[in-house]
Amino acid sequence: MRKATFQKRTGRPLNGCFRGKIENLKAFGLLVEDEQDAGPDGIGGRFLPTTSRNSSAVPATFPFPPAAYNDGPLNPYHNCNATEET
């Protein structure tokens, strides 16, 4: 996604939103990021559509309860605050 488009649509810079989720996805090689863009890379192209749909910032919209997910860094219940710092 273009960072400028994200900011235009939300009024917030992507660099200040969901940093925990973004950094975890980058650490697992599922997301790449530069000054202008952030998006899937490699396996992330197949994995991220499901992850992003299931990992919105609203836990009430998750398809499964917390107990259904392993307690790891990609658990969608972690880092749900849009402005949470890593």
C-alpha atoms as a PDB file:
ATOM      1  CA  MET A   1       0.000   0.000   0.000  1.00  0.00           C
ATOM      2  CA  ARG A   2       1.161   3.485  -0.703  1.00  0.00           C
ATOM      3  CA  LYS A   3       1.823   5.269   2.576  1.00  0.00           C
ATOM      4  CA  ALA A   4       0.573   8.551   1.108  1.00  0.00           C
ATOM      5  CA  THR A   5      -2.739   6.888   0.173  1.00  0.00           C
ATOM      6  CA  PHE A   6      -3.117   5.450   3.677  1.00  0.00           C
ATOM      7  CA  GLN A   7      -2.573   8.880   5.209  1.00  0.00           C
ATOM      8  CA  LYS A   8      -4.966  10.548   2.775  1.00  0.00           C
ATOM      9  CA  ARG A   9      -7.720   8.033   3.575  1.00  0.00           C
ATOM     10  CA  THR A  10      -7.213   7.808   7.331  1.00  0.00           C
ATOM     11  CA  GLY A  11      -5.674  11.132   8.236  1.00  0.00           C
ATOM     12  CA  ARG A  12      -2.839   9.287   9.996  1.00  0.00           C
ATOM     13  CA  PRO A  13       0.606   8.292   8.758  1.00  0.00           C
ATOM     14  CA  LEU A  14       1.163   4.553   8.371  1.00  0.00           C
ATOM     15  CA  ASN A  15       4.536   4.955  10.094  1.00  0.00           C
ATOM     16  CA  GLY A  16       2.653   5.686  13.327  1.00  0.00           C
ATOM     17  CA  CYS A  17      -0.025   2.987  13.054  1.00  0.00           C
ATOM     18  CA  PHE A  18       0.040  -0.724  13.824  1.00  0.00           C
ATOM     19  CA  ARG A  19       3.834  -0.714  14.235  1.00  0.00           C
ATOM     20  CA  GLY A  20       3.742  -3.917  16.284  1.00  0.00           C
ATOM     21  CA  LYS A  21       1.877  -5.821  13.574  1.00  0.00           C
ATOM     22  CA  ILE A  22       3.999  -4.337  10.797  1.00  0.00           C
ATOM     23  CA  GLU A  23       7.292  -5.121  12.531  1.00  0.00           C
ATOM     24  CA  ASN A  24       6.209  -8.705  13.292  1.00  0.00           C
ATOM     25  CA  LEU A  25       5.176  -9.295   9.674  1.00  0.00           C
ATOM     26  CA  LYS A  26       8.491  -7.857   8.466  1.00  0.00           C
ATOM     27  CA  ALA A  27      10.434 -10.056  10.904  1.00  0.00           C
ATOM     28  CA  PHE A  28       8.800 -13.159   9.419  1.00  0.00           C
ATOM     29  CA  GLY A  29       9.496 -12.072   5.846  1.00  0.00           C
ATOM     30  CA  LEU A  30       5.828 -11.502   5.074  1.00  0.00           C
ATOM     31  CA  LEU A  31       6.004  -7.744   4.529  1.00  0.00           C
ATOM     32  CA  VAL A  32       8.504  -5.324   3.053  1.00  0.00           C
ATOM     33  CA  GLU A  33       8.522  -1.612   3.723  1.00  0.00           C
ATOM     34  CA  ASP A  34      10.343   1.403   2.373  1.00  0.00           C
ATOM     35  CA  GLU A  35       9.786   5.160   2.596  1.00  0.00           C
ATOM     36  CA  GLN A  36       6.833   5.153   0.162  1.00  0.00           C
ATOM     37  CA  ASP A  37       5.256   1.690   0.371  1.00  0.00           C
ATOM     38  CA  ALA A  38       4.478  -1.272   2.600  1.00  0.00           C
ATOM     39  CA  GLY A  39       3.301  -4.573   1.143  1.00  0.00           C
ATOM     40  CA  PRO A  40       3.615  -8.343   0.974  1.00  0.00           C
ATOM     41  CA  ASP A  41       6.747 -10.094  -0.230  1.00  0.00           C
ATOM     42  CA  GLY A  42       7.320 -13.746  -1.054  1.00  0.00           C
ATOM     43  CA  ILE A  43       5.000 -15.979   0.934  1.00  0.00           C
ATOM     44  CA  GLY A  44       3.356 -12.870   2.350  1.00  0.00           C
ATOM     45  CA  GLY A  45       1.517 -12.416  -0.950  1.00  0.00           C
ATOM     46  CA  ARG A  46      -0.448 -15.576  -0.226  1.00  0.00           C
ATOM     47  CA  PHE A  47      -0.554 -15.320   3.554  1.00  0.00           C
ATOM     48  CA  LEU A  48      -1.321 -11.632   4.132  1.00  0.00           C
ATOM     49  CA  PRO A  49      -4.794 -11.417   2.558  1.00  0.00           C
ATOM     50  CA  THR A  50      -6.047 -13.873   5.189  1.00  0.00           C
ATOM     51  CA  THR A  51      -3.953 -12.355   7.956  1.00  0.00           C
ATOM     52  CA  SER A  52      -5.037  -8.799   7.292  1.00  0.00           C
ATOM     53  CA  ARG A  53      -8.683  -9.792   6.998  1.00  0.00           C
ATOM     54  CA  ASN A  54      -8.497 -11.750  10.251  1.00  0.00           C
ATOM     55  CA  SER A  55      -6.228  -9.268  12.011  1.00  0.00           C
ATOM     56  CA  SER A  56      -8.043  -6.009  11.740  1.00  0.00           C
ATOM     57  CA  ALA A  57      -7.702  -3.737  14.738  1.00  0.00           C
ATOM     58  CA  VAL A  58     -11.119  -4.769  16.045  1.00  0.00           C
ATOM     59  CA  PRO A  59     -10.953  -8.020  18.024  1.00  0.00           C
ATOM     60  CA  ALA A  60     -14.749  -8.307  17.999  1.00  0.00           C
ATOM     61  CA  THR A  61     -14.516  -8.961  14.238  1.00  0.00           C
ATOM     62  CA  PHE A  62     -11.998 -11.822  14.510  1.00  0.00           C
ATOM     63  CA  PRO A  63     -13.413 -15.137  13.286  1.00  0.00           C
ATOM     64  CA  PHE A  64     -12.211 -17.153  16.288  1.00  0.00           C
ATOM     65  CA  PRO A  65     -11.908 -16.586  20.062  1.00  0.00           C
ATOM     66  CA  PRO A  66      -8.479 -15.892  21.610  1.00  0.00           C
ATOM     67  CA  ALA A  67      -8.053 -19.507  22.728  1.00  0.00           C
ATOM     68  CA  ALA A  68      -8.155 -20.682  19.097  1.00  0.00           C
ATOM     69  CA  TYR A  69      -4.865 -18.913  18.284  1.00  0.00           C
ATOM     70  CA  ASN A  70      -1.367 -19.876  19.361  1.00  0.00           C
ATOM     71  CA  ASP A  71       0.195 -17.291  21.642  1.00  0.00           C
ATOM     72  CA  GLY A  72       2.904 -16.172  19.233  1.00  0.00           C
ATOM     73  CA  PRO A  73       3.979 -12.889  17.651  1.00  0.00           C
ATOM     74  CA  LEU A  74       1.505 -13.220  14.749  1.00  0.00           C
ATOM     75  CA  ASN A  75      -1.491 -13.804  17.032  1.00  0.00           C
ATOM     76  CA  PRO A  76      -4.111 -11.329  15.752  1.00  0.00           C
ATOM     77  CA  TYR A  77      -5.116 -10.383  19.292  1.00  0.00           C
ATOM     78  CA  HIS A  78      -1.642  -8.891  19.858  1.00  0.00           C
ATOM     79  CA  ASN A  79      -0.858  -5.306  18.829  1.00  0.00           C
ATOM     80  CA  CYS A  80      -4.469  -4.350  18.117  1.00  0.00           C
ATOM     81  CA  ASN A  81      -4.063  -0.715  19.134  1.00  0.00           C
ATOM     82  CA  ALA A  82      -3.546   1.349  15.974  1.00  0.00           C
ATOM     83  CA  THR A  83      -1.099   3.653  17.725  1.00  0.00           C
ATOM     84  CA  GLU A  84       0.664   1.069  19.877  1.00  0.00           C
ATOM     85  CA  GLU A  85       4.434   1.405  19.930  1.00  0.00           C
ATOM     86  CA  THR A  86       6.683  -1.620  19.448  1.00  0.00           C
END
